[in-house]
Amino acid sequence: MANNSVASAEIVNGTIADIDVSATAAIAGTKISPDFGSQNIVTTGTVSGVGSGLTGLNASNLSTGTVPDARLSGNVVLTSGNQTIAGTKTFSSTIAGSVSGNAGTATTLQTARTIAGVSFNGSANIAIPFANIASKPTTISGYGITDAVTTAGNQTIGGVKTFSSPIIGSEPTLSTHLATKNYVDTLVTQGVTWKGPVESGNTIVGTWGACDAGKQSWTTYNKNDDIIYICDGANWLSIGSSASIPYATTTTPGKVQLAGDIGGTWNNVTINANAINSAKIADNTITASDIAANAIGNSELASNAVQSVNIVDGTITGADILNNTIDETEISDSFVARDSNLLDGVNSTQFLRSDVDDSLTAAIVVPTGNRDEGMFGTYASTLTQHIWSMGTAYRNSAAGTDFGNLYGLAYKHTNNPTGGTMAGGHQMVWAQNGNPTSAMGTNIWTSGQFIGNGASITNIA
């Protein structure tokens, strides 16, 4: 068939398959029926038409090209232009550029500020010195304090006030004024002259006359108003009610009532007869110079009143002790009789003791007539016995069972199994740390070797 000889009329409908169409064939869109079914449309041109007819589009299949901003949803955040964004947005990277408005949180201020001379950047609290604060109040009331004690002006102060330091002020001129130490010291230095109390109904001036230089330091008590007065050389000054004066103690001066052991009058105080007993005398305060000769008899001494410390050494003789008056209860455990440290006139420290370790500083010599004397053990053929040691730390067994940790000589018999038979029979053993190394008994034995001139050894069995 010749080219271009086949027309549409000669082609049976639905008989042209995909394989019959060249991949490069350009088929006009007008030649394609609108119904593509489930087939995909691939084109290198432009798809145009009414967009409302396009459905089921998936933007994830767009590999190139740009979607205009106008085609995007209003929920998409754009890189330019003004938008109002709702909801919380979390950024995993730093935001570059300026941000206006208030920050939710911040570590420090971008620019530190100075508050009362102290720099503050918001990273920590600051302490502002009081001196740096301007426009401070100049009065206590300016701070809202209404009950403070001031240094000037008259005030009535309630409550008890305790002062840790002395109160410094002027000398008193009225009976209501406090007296300073200097004022009191001056009166004491001048000497206080006590004048008898003024009877009730009388006045000081009427009784003693007006206070003048001649009556300075006169002191009296007015029974009419219960006030003690003192003359300062010009005026009678009240120094307080007698009721306000405390009774004297060992630490506080005050008034003393003449009663009990004390008698007499205010200007002649005496001690009543028999008022002083042992309980009122401080221990260890009476010395020999306080006691007259022969002043103390048996009637003045209580039972067990005299102790060793009260007796002068070497002053008691036999005449001072009644028969059968001293028994063991009167003798202290610490009592040491005169010369009790001597034996036959020799100091006891020069004798060897048998019950404790002692040191020998001279030779012990057995005289010719006593050659049967010396050091003796306690015989028992089944037990060992100490003879000599190189030191007190190295000893034979106290029970005699073995040689203990002995470095030295000991006795044993073969009836004691320590070390075996060794030299045989009764023998003297040399031990090192309790181990026998040589012995001399019926025979001579060693755990080592015989060393010497072998030619002189005879009768060797």
Protein backbone atom coordinates (compact mmCIF):
# COMPACT_ATOMS: atom_id res chain seq x y z
CA MET A 1 0.00 0.00 0.00
CA ALA A 2 1.24 3.46 -0.80
CA ASN A 3 2.09 5.93 1.94
CA ASN A 4 -0.85 7.99 3.23
CA SER A 5 -3.21 5.65 1.43
CA VAL A 6 -4.98 4.44 4.64
CA ALA A 7 -7.68 6.76 5.89
CA SER A 8 -9.77 6.63 9.03
CA ALA A 9 -12.58 4.95 7.13
CA GLU A 10 -10.34 2.02 6.29
CA ILE A 11 -9.37 1.46 10.00
CA VAL A 12 -11.68 -0.60 12.12
CA ASN A 13 -12.61 1.24 15.30
CA GLY A 14 -10.64 0.17 18.41
CA THR A 15 -8.07 -1.75 16.51
CA ILE A 16 -5.04 0.61 16.86
CA ALA A 17 -3.04 -0.50 19.90
CA ASP A 18 -0.35 1.38 21.84
CA ILE A 19 2.30 -0.59 20.01
CA ASP A 20 1.02 0.80 16.69
CA VAL A 21 1.69 4.41 17.81
CA SER A 22 5.26 5.71 17.60
CA ALA A 23 6.72 7.15 20.77
CA THR A 24 7.55 10.27 18.79
CA ALA A 25 4.14 10.67 17.25
CA ALA A 26 2.62 14.07 17.91
CA ILE A 27 -1.08 13.55 18.37
CA ALA A 28 -3.08 16.74 18.65
CA GLY A 29 -5.15 17.12 21.73
CA THR A 30 -8.23 17.49 19.54
CA LYS A 31 -7.66 13.94 18.36
CA ILE A 32 -8.00 12.54 21.94
CA SER A 33 -11.36 11.83 23.46
CA PRO A 34 -11.96 13.65 26.82
CA ASP A 35 -12.39 10.36 28.67
CA PHE A 36 -8.93 8.98 29.54
CA GLY A 37 -10.25 6.51 32.10
CA SER A 38 -7.51 5.38 34.44
CA GLN A 39 -4.72 6.38 32.06
CA ASN A 40 -2.04 8.93 33.00
CA ILE A 41 -1.52 12.05 30.91
CA VAL A 42 2.08 12.80 30.01
CA THR A 43 2.80 16.00 28.18
CA THR A 44 5.73 18.31 27.55
CA GLY A 45 3.35 21.18 26.98
CA THR A 46 1.04 23.08 29.21
CA VAL A 47 -2.13 21.77 30.79
CA SER A 48 -4.68 24.52 30.50
CA GLY A 49 -8.33 24.79 31.16
CA VAL A 50 -10.62 25.27 34.10
CA GLY A 51 -8.69 24.31 37.22
CA SER A 52 -11.87 23.48 39.09
CA GLY A 53 -12.11 20.42 37.01
CA LEU A 54 -8.81 19.04 38.24
CA THR A 55 -9.26 16.79 41.26
CA GLY A 56 -7.17 14.29 43.13
CA LEU A 57 -3.91 16.21 42.54
CA ASN A 58 -0.98 15.20 44.88
CA ALA A 59 1.59 17.99 45.44
CA SER A 60 4.20 15.44 46.48
CA ASN A 61 4.47 14.41 42.82
CA LEU A 62 5.61 17.89 41.81
CA SER A 63 9.34 17.57 41.19
CA THR A 64 10.02 20.94 39.55
CA GLY A 65 8.34 24.27 39.05
CA THR A 66 6.95 26.83 41.42
CA VAL A 67 3.51 27.04 42.99
CA PRO A 68 2.43 30.69 43.18
CA ASP A 69 1.80 32.11 46.70
CA ALA A 70 -1.79 32.80 45.69
CA ARG A 71 -2.32 29.06 45.13
CA LEU A 72 -1.06 28.15 48.65
CA SER A 73 -3.31 27.64 51.69
CA GLY A 74 -3.67 30.49 54.19
CA ASN A 75 -2.18 28.13 56.84
CA VAL A 76 1.21 28.14 55.09
CA VAL A 77 3.87 30.48 56.58
CA LEU A 78 5.52 32.51 53.83
CA THR A 79 9.08 33.89 53.81
CA SER A 80 7.90 37.42 52.96
CA GLY A 81 4.95 39.62 53.64
CA ASN A 82 2.94 40.20 56.82
CA GLN A 83 1.04 37.28 58.38
CA THR A 84 -0.72 36.57 61.67
CA ILE A 85 0.31 33.14 62.92
CA ALA A 86 -1.69 31.26 65.55
CA GLY A 87 -0.51 28.44 67.79
CA THR A 88 2.91 27.62 69.29
CA LYS A 89 5.83 27.46 66.88
CA THR A 90 9.03 25.77 68.05
CA PHE A 91 12.27 26.60 66.21
CA SER A 92 15.11 24.07 66.29
CA SER A 93 17.57 26.65 64.94
CA THR A 94 18.45 30.22 65.84
CA ILE A 95 16.20 33.00 64.57
CA ALA A 96 18.34 35.58 62.77
CA GLY A 97 17.18 39.16 62.56
CA SER A 98 15.23 41.57 64.71
CA VAL A 99 12.15 40.49 66.65
CA SER A 100 9.77 43.13 67.97
CA GLY A 101 7.45 42.80 70.97
CA ASN A 102 7.93 41.29 74.46
CA ALA A 103 10.00 38.12 74.93
CA GLY A 104 8.46 35.33 76.98
CA THR A 105 11.80 34.64 78.75
CA ALA A 106 15.30 36.16 78.65
CA THR A 107 18.61 35.37 80.44
CA THR A 108 19.99 38.90 80.58
CA LEU A 109 19.16 42.35 79.34
CA GLN A 110 20.72 43.24 76.00
CA THR A 111 21.98 46.44 77.59
CA ALA A 112 22.70 46.49 81.36
CA ARG A 113 21.10 49.29 83.36
CA THR A 114 22.53 51.08 86.42
CA ILE A 115 20.29 51.20 89.51
CA ALA A 116 21.50 53.47 92.31
CA GLY A 117 25.05 53.19 91.02
CA VAL A 118 24.97 49.37 90.73
CA SER A 119 24.98 47.70 87.30
CA PHE A 120 22.05 45.32 86.69
CA ASN A 121 21.71 43.04 83.63
CA GLY A 122 18.97 40.79 85.02
CA SER A 123 21.18 37.71 85.54
CA ALA A 124 21.27 37.98 89.36
CA ASN A 125 20.00 40.03 92.29
CA ILE A 126 21.97 43.12 93.25
CA ALA A 127 22.61 44.78 96.61
CA ILE A 128 22.18 48.53 96.68
CA PRO A 129 24.26 50.36 99.34
CA PHE A 130 22.15 52.60 101.52
CA ALA A 131 24.54 55.49 100.82
CA ASN A 132 23.74 55.24 97.08
CA ILE A 133 20.05 55.96 97.58
CA ALA A 134 19.18 59.56 96.77
CA SER A 135 16.46 61.60 98.49
CA LYS A 136 16.61 59.63 101.75
CA PRO A 137 14.45 60.87 104.66
CA THR A 138 16.36 63.00 107.15
CA THR A 139 14.17 62.23 110.18
CA ILE A 140 13.05 59.04 111.91
CA SER A 141 9.44 59.92 111.23
CA GLY A 142 10.35 60.06 107.56
CA TYR A 143 10.88 56.30 107.74
CA GLY A 144 7.51 55.79 109.39
CA ILE A 145 9.02 55.14 112.86
CA THR A 146 7.00 56.76 115.63
CA ASP A 147 8.26 55.05 118.81
CA ALA A 148 12.04 55.55 118.62
CA VAL A 149 14.15 57.06 121.40
CA THR A 150 15.86 60.21 120.14
CA THR A 151 19.02 61.93 121.30
CA ALA A 152 17.32 65.30 121.84
CA GLY A 153 14.09 66.53 123.41
CA ASN A 154 12.01 65.20 126.31
CA GLN A 155 10.36 61.80 126.00
CA THR A 156 8.46 59.46 128.28
CA ILE A 157 9.78 55.94 127.77
CA GLY A 158 7.75 52.93 128.85
CA GLY A 159 8.97 49.42 129.63
CA VAL A 160 12.24 48.14 131.06
CA LYS A 161 15.36 49.24 129.19
CA THR A 162 18.63 47.40 129.81
CA PHE A 163 21.83 49.25 128.95
CA SER A 164 24.97 47.23 128.14
CA SER A 165 27.15 50.34 128.58
CA PRO A 166 27.23 53.06 131.27
CA ILE A 167 24.77 55.95 131.05
CA ILE A 168 26.69 59.22 130.79
CA GLY A 169 25.01 62.39 131.95
CA SER A 170 25.21 65.56 134.04
CA GLU A 171 25.39 65.69 137.82
CA PRO A 172 21.96 65.40 139.51
CA THR A 173 20.25 68.57 140.70
CA LEU A 174 16.80 67.19 141.57
CA SER A 175 15.62 64.23 143.61
CA THR A 176 14.24 62.65 140.43
CA HIS A 177 17.62 62.74 138.67
CA LEU A 178 19.92 59.75 138.38
CA ALA A 179 23.20 59.98 140.28
CA THR A 180 26.38 59.34 138.29
CA LYS A 181 29.26 57.25 139.57
CA ASN A 182 31.43 60.37 139.64
CA TYR A 183 28.85 62.11 141.84
CA VAL A 184 28.67 59.19 144.27
CA ASP A 185 32.47 58.76 144.28
CA THR A 186 32.85 62.45 145.12
CA LEU A 187 30.50 62.12 148.09
CA VAL A 188 32.30 59.01 149.30
CA THR A 189 35.68 60.71 148.92
CA GLN A 190 34.41 63.67 150.91
CA GLY A 191 33.12 61.28 153.56
CA VAL A 192 29.47 60.59 154.36
CA THR A 193 28.35 61.65 157.83
CA TRP A 194 25.26 59.87 159.03
CA LYS A 195 22.88 61.98 161.09
CA GLY A 196 20.13 60.38 163.08
CA PRO A 197 16.74 59.85 161.39
CA VAL A 198 14.25 62.71 161.45
CA GLU A 199 11.15 61.78 163.45
CA SER A 200 7.79 61.74 161.70
CA GLY A 201 6.27 65.17 161.38
CA ASN A 202 9.63 66.94 161.48
CA THR A 203 11.59 68.28 158.52
CA ILE A 204 15.23 67.92 157.64
CA VAL A 205 15.70 71.68 157.56
CA GLY A 206 13.98 72.02 160.90
CA THR A 207 16.08 69.30 162.49
CA TRP A 208 19.47 69.72 160.90
CA GLY A 209 19.19 73.14 159.34
CA ALA A 210 19.62 74.21 155.75
CA CYS A 211 22.18 72.34 153.65
CA ASP A 212 25.38 74.34 153.26
CA ALA A 213 29.08 73.74 152.72
CA GLY A 214 29.53 72.87 156.39
CA LYS A 215 26.97 70.06 156.17
CA GLN A 216 28.22 68.59 152.87
CA SER A 217 27.92 64.77 152.81
CA TRP A 218 25.54 64.72 155.78
CA THR A 219 23.06 61.92 155.27
CA THR A 220 19.80 61.33 157.12
CA TYR A 221 16.57 59.43 156.88
CA ASN A 222 13.20 61.14 157.03
CA LYS A 223 10.63 58.88 158.65
CA ASN A 224 7.89 61.22 157.52
CA ASP A 225 8.28 60.49 153.79
CA ASP A 226 10.51 57.36 154.00
CA ILE A 227 13.24 59.07 151.98
CA ILE A 228 17.00 59.16 152.52
CA TYR A 229 18.54 62.61 151.96
CA ILE A 230 22.12 63.74 151.44
CA CYS A 231 23.51 67.28 151.56
CA ASP A 232 25.59 68.21 148.50
CA GLY A 233 26.79 71.44 150.07
CA ALA A 234 23.85 73.53 148.85
CA ASN A 235 20.70 71.40 148.82
CA TRP A 236 19.26 68.36 150.54
CA LEU A 237 18.99 65.74 147.76
CA SER A 238 16.76 62.69 147.83
CA ILE A 239 18.67 59.52 147.01
CA GLY A 240 15.66 57.21 147.19
CA SER A 241 13.24 55.50 149.50
CA SER A 242 14.63 53.07 152.03
CA ALA A 243 12.21 50.53 150.63
CA SER A 244 13.99 50.76 147.28
CA ILE A 245 17.39 49.96 148.78
CA PRO A 246 18.08 46.21 148.57
CA TYR A 247 19.57 44.18 151.35
CA ALA A 248 23.32 43.76 151.00
CA THR A 249 24.73 40.56 149.49
CA THR A 250 28.25 39.37 148.83
CA THR A 251 28.09 41.05 145.42
CA THR A 252 25.57 43.89 145.88
CA PRO A 253 25.85 46.76 148.41
CA GLY A 254 22.75 47.60 150.42
CA LYS A 255 21.25 47.78 153.87
CA VAL A 256 21.97 45.28 156.65
CA GLN A 257 19.58 44.36 159.44
CA LEU A 258 21.23 43.92 162.84
CA ALA A 259 19.70 40.59 163.79
CA GLY A 260 20.67 36.96 164.28
CA ASP A 261 24.40 36.61 164.87
CA ILE A 262 24.93 40.39 164.56
CA GLY A 263 24.04 42.76 167.38
CA GLY A 264 24.85 46.25 168.58
CA THR A 265 23.82 49.47 166.86
CA TRP A 266 24.28 51.00 163.43
CA ASN A 267 27.49 52.70 164.52
CA ASN A 268 28.77 49.84 166.69
CA VAL A 269 28.09 46.46 165.06
CA THR A 270 29.09 43.44 167.18
CA ILE A 271 29.02 39.64 166.89
CA ASN A 272 26.89 37.89 169.48
CA ALA A 273 28.50 35.45 171.90
CA ASN A 274 28.84 31.85 170.60
CA ALA A 275 27.53 33.02 167.21
CA ILE A 276 30.50 31.61 165.31
CA ASN A 277 30.60 27.85 164.89
CA SER A 278 32.40 25.48 162.52
CA ALA A 279 29.79 25.87 159.77
CA LYS A 280 30.41 29.63 159.64
CA ILE A 281 34.19 29.37 159.37
CA ALA A 282 35.56 28.90 155.87
CA ASP A 283 37.49 25.65 155.55
CA ASN A 284 41.27 25.89 155.80
CA THR A 285 41.24 29.56 156.85
CA ILE A 286 42.29 29.35 160.55
CA THR A 287 46.05 29.33 161.06
CA ALA A 288 48.13 28.79 164.19
CA SER A 289 48.49 32.54 164.69
CA ASP A 290 44.69 32.79 165.05
CA ILE A 291 44.63 30.49 168.10
CA ALA A 292 45.91 31.54 171.50
CA ALA A 293 48.07 29.14 173.49
CA ASN A 294 46.03 26.47 175.32
CA ALA A 295 42.85 28.03 173.93
CA ILE A 296 41.40 24.79 172.56
CA GLY A 297 40.44 21.96 174.92
CA ASN A 298 38.50 18.75 174.40
CA SER A 299 35.23 20.61 174.94
CA GLU A 300 35.96 22.87 171.97
CA LEU A 301 36.65 20.02 169.57
CA ALA A 302 33.95 18.01 167.86
CA SER A 303 34.41 14.32 167.31
CA ASN A 304 36.83 13.62 164.41
CA ALA A 305 37.50 17.37 164.10
CA VAL A 306 41.31 17.15 164.01
CA GLN A 307 42.97 15.67 160.94
CA SER A 308 46.59 15.09 159.99
CA VAL A 309 46.76 18.29 157.94
CA ASN A 310 45.80 20.28 161.07
CA ILE A 311 48.76 18.99 163.09
CA VAL A 312 52.27 20.42 162.77
CA ASP A 313 54.71 17.69 161.76
CA GLY A 314 56.77 16.31 164.67
CA THR A 315 54.72 17.99 167.42
CA ILE A 316 52.71 15.02 168.79
CA THR A 317 54.36 13.07 171.60
CA GLY A 318 53.19 10.09 173.64
CA ALA A 319 51.80 12.50 176.22
CA ASP A 320 49.42 13.90 173.61
CA ILE A 321 47.71 10.55 172.98
CA LEU A 322 45.39 8.92 175.48
CA ASN A 323 45.65 5.18 175.95
CA ASN A 324 43.60 3.15 173.44
CA THR A 325 42.35 6.23 171.60
CA ILE A 326 43.91 5.48 168.20
CA ASP A 327 42.78 2.46 166.20
CA GLU A 328 43.02 1.51 162.54
CA THR A 329 40.03 3.69 161.61
CA GLU A 330 42.04 6.76 162.60
CA ILE A 331 45.02 5.73 160.46
CA SER A 332 44.87 6.79 156.80
CA ASP A 333 45.88 4.40 154.05
CA SER A 334 48.44 6.99 153.04
CA PHE A 335 49.93 7.15 156.58
CA VAL A 336 53.69 6.59 156.55
CA ALA A 337 55.48 5.96 159.83
CA ARG A 338 58.81 7.63 160.45
CA ASP A 339 61.73 5.55 159.13
CA SER A 340 59.26 3.05 157.66
CA ASN A 341 61.43 2.94 154.54
CA LEU A 342 64.41 1.64 156.53
CA LEU A 343 65.34 -1.92 157.46
CA ASP A 344 68.07 -2.19 160.05
CA GLY A 345 68.85 1.42 159.22
CA VAL A 346 69.29 0.64 155.50
CA ASN A 347 66.99 2.19 152.87
CA SER A 348 64.58 -0.49 151.66
CA THR A 349 65.18 0.47 148.00
CA GLN A 350 68.63 -1.12 148.37
CA PHE A 351 67.17 -4.61 148.87
CA LEU A 352 66.23 -7.04 146.11
CA ARG A 353 62.52 -7.82 145.91
CA SER A 354 61.20 -11.30 145.23
CA ASP A 355 57.71 -10.36 144.04
CA VAL A 356 58.61 -8.00 141.16
CA ASP A 357 61.40 -7.65 138.60
CA ASP A 358 64.38 -5.98 140.20
CA SER A 359 67.88 -4.98 139.15
CA LEU A 360 71.20 -6.16 140.63
CA THR A 361 73.82 -3.43 140.77
CA ALA A 362 76.45 -5.34 142.78
CA ALA A 363 77.78 -8.89 143.12
CA ILE A 364 76.13 -11.56 145.26
CA VAL A 365 78.87 -13.63 146.87
CA VAL A 366 78.30 -16.88 148.74
CA PRO A 367 80.83 -16.97 151.58
CA THR A 368 83.13 -19.92 152.16
CA GLY A 369 81.12 -21.23 155.08
CA ASN A 370 77.91 -21.32 153.00
CA ARG A 371 78.89 -23.15 149.88
CA ASP A 372 75.68 -25.10 150.01
CA GLU A 373 73.71 -21.93 149.19
CA GLY A 374 72.79 -20.49 145.78
CA MET A 375 69.77 -20.34 143.38
CA PHE A 376 67.38 -23.28 143.71
CA GLY A 377 64.53 -24.57 141.57
CA THR A 378 61.57 -26.79 142.42
CA TYR A 379 62.27 -30.40 141.47
CA ALA A 380 59.89 -32.30 139.20
CA SER A 381 61.34 -34.74 136.66
CA THR A 382 58.39 -34.23 134.29
CA LEU A 383 58.74 -30.44 134.17
CA THR A 384 61.31 -28.01 132.78
CA GLN A 385 62.97 -25.42 135.03
CA HIS A 386 64.44 -21.98 134.23
CA ILE A 387 68.20 -21.60 134.97
CA TRP A 388 69.29 -18.42 133.12
CA SER A 389 67.90 -16.18 130.35
CA MET A 390 69.35 -13.40 128.22
CA GLY A 391 66.43 -11.09 129.15
CA THR A 392 63.16 -10.89 131.10
CA ALA A 393 61.20 -11.14 127.85
CA TYR A 394 62.59 -14.63 127.16
CA ARG A 395 61.38 -17.17 129.68
CA ASN A 396 60.90 -20.86 130.28
CA SER A 397 57.27 -22.01 130.36
CA ALA A 398 55.78 -20.94 133.72
CA ALA A 399 53.98 -24.31 133.90
CA GLY A 400 57.20 -26.20 133.08
CA THR A 401 55.65 -27.95 130.05
CA ASP A 402 58.37 -26.84 127.62
CA PHE A 403 61.04 -24.17 127.16
CA GLY A 404 58.60 -21.34 126.26
CA ASN A 405 60.43 -18.68 124.22
CA LEU A 406 63.64 -19.02 126.24
CA TYR A 407 67.00 -17.84 124.96
CA GLY A 408 69.25 -19.39 127.62
CA LEU A 409 69.69 -22.39 129.92
CA ALA A 410 67.02 -24.68 131.37
CA TYR A 411 66.77 -28.01 133.17
CA LYS A 412 64.85 -31.08 131.99
CA HIS A 413 64.68 -34.86 132.44
CA THR A 414 63.82 -37.36 129.75
CA ASN A 415 60.51 -37.81 131.58
CA ASN A 416 59.57 -34.50 129.89
CA PRO A 417 59.10 -35.14 126.14
CA THR A 418 60.27 -31.67 125.02
CA GLY A 419 63.09 -32.13 122.49
CA GLY A 420 63.13 -35.89 122.92
CA THR A 421 65.86 -37.78 124.81
CA MET A 422 68.67 -35.42 123.75
CA ALA A 423 71.60 -35.88 126.24
CA GLY A 424 69.62 -38.36 128.36
CA GLY A 425 68.64 -38.38 132.02
CA HIS A 426 68.92 -35.18 134.03
CA GLN A 427 70.36 -32.55 131.69
CA MET A 428 71.05 -28.87 131.20
CA VAL A 429 69.67 -27.62 127.87
CA TRP A 430 70.61 -24.57 125.79
CA ALA A 431 67.47 -23.25 124.02
CA GLN A 432 66.99 -20.60 121.31
CA ASN A 433 63.45 -19.17 121.20
CA GLY A 434 62.34 -22.27 123.12
CA ASN A 435 63.97 -24.74 120.72
CA PRO A 436 66.70 -26.95 122.27
CA THR A 437 69.98 -26.77 120.33
CA SER A 438 72.42 -28.52 122.72
CA ALA A 439 72.31 -30.38 126.03
CA MET A 440 74.68 -31.84 128.64
CA GLY A 441 73.46 -34.71 130.78
CA THR A 442 74.44 -38.37 130.81
CA ASN A 443 75.71 -37.60 127.31
CA ILE A 444 76.49 -34.50 125.28
CA TRP A 445 74.00 -33.70 122.51
CA THR A 446 73.62 -31.02 119.86
CA SER A 447 71.24 -30.41 117.02
CA GLY A 448 74.19 -29.11 114.99
CA GLN A 449 77.80 -30.29 114.64
CA PHE A 450 80.75 -30.92 116.96
CA ILE A 451 83.42 -28.36 116.10
CA GLY A 452 87.00 -28.57 117.47
CA ASN A 453 90.18 -30.73 117.43
CA GLY A 454 88.95 -34.18 116.56
CA ALA A 455 92.26 -35.72 117.59
CA SER A 456 91.52 -34.97 121.23
CA ILE A 457 88.15 -36.71 121.20
CA THR A 458 88.43 -40.24 122.60
CA ASN A 459 86.21 -43.10 123.65
CA ILE A 460 83.69 -42.34 120.92
CA ALA A 461 81.20 -45.21 120.83
